[in-house]
Protein backbone atom coordinates (compact mmCIF):
# COMPACT_ATOMS: atom_id res chain seq x y z
CA MET A 1 5.56 -47.82 11.94
CA LYS A 2 7.56 -46.56 8.94
CA PHE A 3 4.53 -47.19 6.74
CA LYS A 4 2.33 -45.02 9.00
CA ILE A 5 4.87 -42.20 8.95
CA ALA A 6 5.23 -42.42 5.18
CA THR A 7 1.44 -42.42 4.78
CA ALA A 8 1.14 -39.38 7.02
CA LEU A 9 3.83 -37.54 5.05
CA VAL A 10 2.07 -38.31 1.77
CA ALA A 11 -1.24 -37.07 3.20
CA VAL A 12 0.33 -33.81 4.40
CA THR A 13 2.04 -33.30 1.04
CA LEU A 14 -1.18 -33.90 -0.88
CA ALA A 15 -3.12 -31.58 1.41
CA GLY A 16 -0.50 -28.88 0.89
CA SER A 17 -0.74 -29.36 -2.87
CA ALA A 18 -4.52 -29.00 -2.76
CA VAL A 19 -4.22 -25.73 -0.86
CA ALA A 20 -1.60 -24.48 -3.31
CA GLN A 21 -3.87 -25.34 -6.24
CA GLU A 22 -6.72 -23.34 -4.68
CA ALA A 23 -4.54 -20.25 -4.35
CA GLY A 24 -4.27 -18.09 -7.44
CA ASP A 25 -1.31 -17.97 -9.78
CA ALA A 26 -0.09 -14.37 -10.12
CA ALA A 27 1.67 -15.03 -13.44
CA ALA A 28 -1.50 -16.52 -14.93
CA GLY A 29 -3.43 -13.58 -13.47
CA GLU A 30 -1.10 -11.08 -15.13
CA ASN A 31 -1.67 -12.82 -18.46
CA LEU A 32 -5.44 -12.91 -17.95
CA PHE A 33 -5.50 -9.26 -16.86
CA GLY A 34 -3.76 -8.33 -20.09
CA LYS A 35 -6.31 -10.25 -22.14
CA ARG A 36 -9.54 -9.50 -20.29
CA CYS A 37 -9.25 -6.60 -17.87
CA ARG A 38 -6.99 -3.97 -19.39
CA SER A 39 -9.55 -3.00 -22.01
CA CYS A 40 -11.36 -1.20 -19.17
CA HIS A 41 -8.80 -0.94 -16.33
CA MET A 42 -5.29 0.41 -16.05
CA ILE A 43 -2.75 -0.17 -13.30
CA VAL A 44 -0.79 2.94 -12.34
CA ASP A 45 1.15 2.97 -9.06
CA ASP A 46 1.02 5.72 -6.45
CA ALA A 47 4.08 7.42 -7.94
CA GLY A 48 2.34 7.64 -11.33
CA ALA A 49 4.30 4.88 -13.06
CA THR A 50 2.21 2.83 -15.48
CA ILE A 51 2.34 -0.89 -14.76
CA VAL A 52 -0.37 -1.83 -17.25
CA LYS A 53 -1.57 0.65 -19.82
CA GLY A 54 -5.28 0.12 -20.16
CA GLY A 55 -8.69 1.66 -20.55
CA ARG A 56 -10.29 4.30 -18.42
CA THR A 57 -13.80 2.88 -18.39
CA GLY A 58 -13.05 1.26 -15.04
CA PRO A 59 -11.01 2.59 -12.13
CA ASN A 60 -7.27 2.15 -11.66
CA LEU A 61 -6.76 -1.22 -9.97
CA TYR A 62 -3.42 -0.52 -8.32
CA GLY A 63 -3.88 -1.16 -4.62
CA VAL A 64 -7.44 -2.43 -5.04
CA ILE A 65 -6.83 -5.41 -2.75
CA GLY A 66 -7.52 -4.32 0.81
CA ARG A 67 -9.12 -1.07 -0.35
CA GLU A 68 -12.66 0.07 0.35
CA ALA A 69 -14.95 -0.25 -2.67
CA ALA A 70 -15.52 2.90 -4.74
CA SER A 71 -12.65 4.81 -3.16
CA VAL A 72 -10.46 5.88 -6.09
CA GLU A 73 -10.47 9.69 -6.15
CA ASP A 74 -11.71 11.39 -9.29
CA TYR A 75 -13.41 8.26 -10.61
CA ARG A 76 -17.18 8.41 -11.13
CA TYR A 77 -18.67 5.25 -9.69
CA LYS A 78 -22.22 4.00 -10.04
CA LYS A 79 -24.52 4.53 -7.08
CA SER A 80 -24.70 0.85 -6.01
CA ILE A 81 -20.96 0.33 -5.71
CA GLU A 82 -20.68 3.59 -3.75
CA GLU A 83 -23.38 2.31 -1.39
CA ALA A 84 -21.46 -0.96 -0.97
CA GLY A 85 -18.32 1.00 -0.06
CA GLU A 86 -20.27 3.10 2.43
CA LYS A 87 -21.65 -0.11 3.91
CA GLY A 88 -18.08 -1.33 4.49
CA LEU A 89 -17.20 -3.43 1.46
CA VAL A 90 -13.43 -3.93 1.32
CA TRP A 91 -11.88 -5.90 -1.52
CA ASP A 92 -10.54 -9.09 0.01
CA GLU A 93 -10.12 -12.40 -1.80
CA ALA A 94 -13.70 -13.61 -1.32
CA SER A 95 -15.42 -10.33 -2.19
CA PHE A 96 -13.16 -9.61 -5.17
CA GLU A 97 -13.59 -13.07 -6.69
CA ALA A 98 -17.36 -13.07 -6.18
CA TYR A 99 -17.70 -9.58 -7.62
CA VAL A 100 -15.72 -10.14 -10.82
CA GLN A 101 -17.65 -13.34 -11.56
CA ASP A 102 -21.04 -11.56 -11.36
CA PRO A 103 -20.78 -7.86 -10.48
CA THR A 104 -24.48 -7.00 -10.47
CA GLY A 105 -25.49 -10.23 -8.73
CA PHE A 106 -22.85 -9.63 -6.07
CA LEU A 107 -24.08 -6.08 -5.39
CA ARG A 108 -27.70 -7.19 -5.26
CA ASP A 109 -26.80 -9.77 -2.62
CA TYR A 110 -24.42 -7.51 -0.69
CA LEU A 111 -26.85 -4.60 -0.56
CA ASP A 112 -29.98 -6.77 -0.35
CA ASP A 113 -31.36 -4.65 -3.18
CA LYS A 114 -32.81 -6.28 -6.29
CA GLY A 115 -32.42 -2.98 -8.14
CA ALA A 116 -28.67 -2.65 -7.50
CA ARG A 117 -26.58 -2.39 -10.66
CA SER A 118 -22.89 -2.47 -11.32
CA GLY A 119 -21.06 -0.36 -13.84
CA MET A 120 -19.02 -3.47 -14.64
CA THR A 121 -21.01 -5.56 -17.09
CA PHE A 122 -18.20 -8.04 -17.89
CA LYS A 123 -18.22 -11.33 -15.96
CA LEU A 124 -14.87 -13.05 -15.41
CA ARG A 125 -16.16 -16.62 -15.34
CA GLU A 126 -12.73 -18.27 -14.95
CA GLY A 127 -9.44 -17.15 -13.46
CA ALA A 128 -10.67 -14.85 -10.69
CA PRO A 129 -8.23 -16.35 -8.13
CA ASP A 130 -5.36 -15.74 -10.56
CA VAL A 131 -6.30 -12.10 -11.22
CA TYR A 132 -6.70 -11.60 -7.46
CA ALA A 133 -3.22 -13.07 -6.86
CA TYR A 134 -1.74 -10.79 -9.55
CA LEU A 135 -3.34 -7.62 -8.18
CA ALA A 136 -2.38 -8.58 -4.62
CA SER A 137 1.23 -9.15 -5.72
CA LEU A 138 1.55 -5.58 -6.98
CA THR A 139 1.18 -4.08 -3.52
CA GLY A 140 2.18 -7.00 -1.33
CA GLU A 141 -1.39 -7.65 -0.09
CA LYS A 142 -2.71 -11.18 0.45
């Protein structure tokens, strides 16, 4: 009986570890953001305080998680991402991670339009869960 209980506890512990490994690491995401994302994106909070000084090629990513696509005021988005926002695209974990790995491919699938194009040409091939976790941590989103 003790063996069965011990085996069950080990199984639950290992399953919990697997789930934790799938979730992103915000600290690793902050590091990756600084290396890969800030050349085009800045992070400035609602009060105007700069969290990450970065480029202006892409929109401010403060509060991006849980936000409708193409909704930062005074930023000029490409037509396809605006259409995705109008269609209801909200940046959750799945959509964010899929988009940053292949922005144009994601929009083509989402809009069912082979001519859709993203203004973001960079593909974040590794670390998308970590960058998601970092951006989510800035505003308390999950």
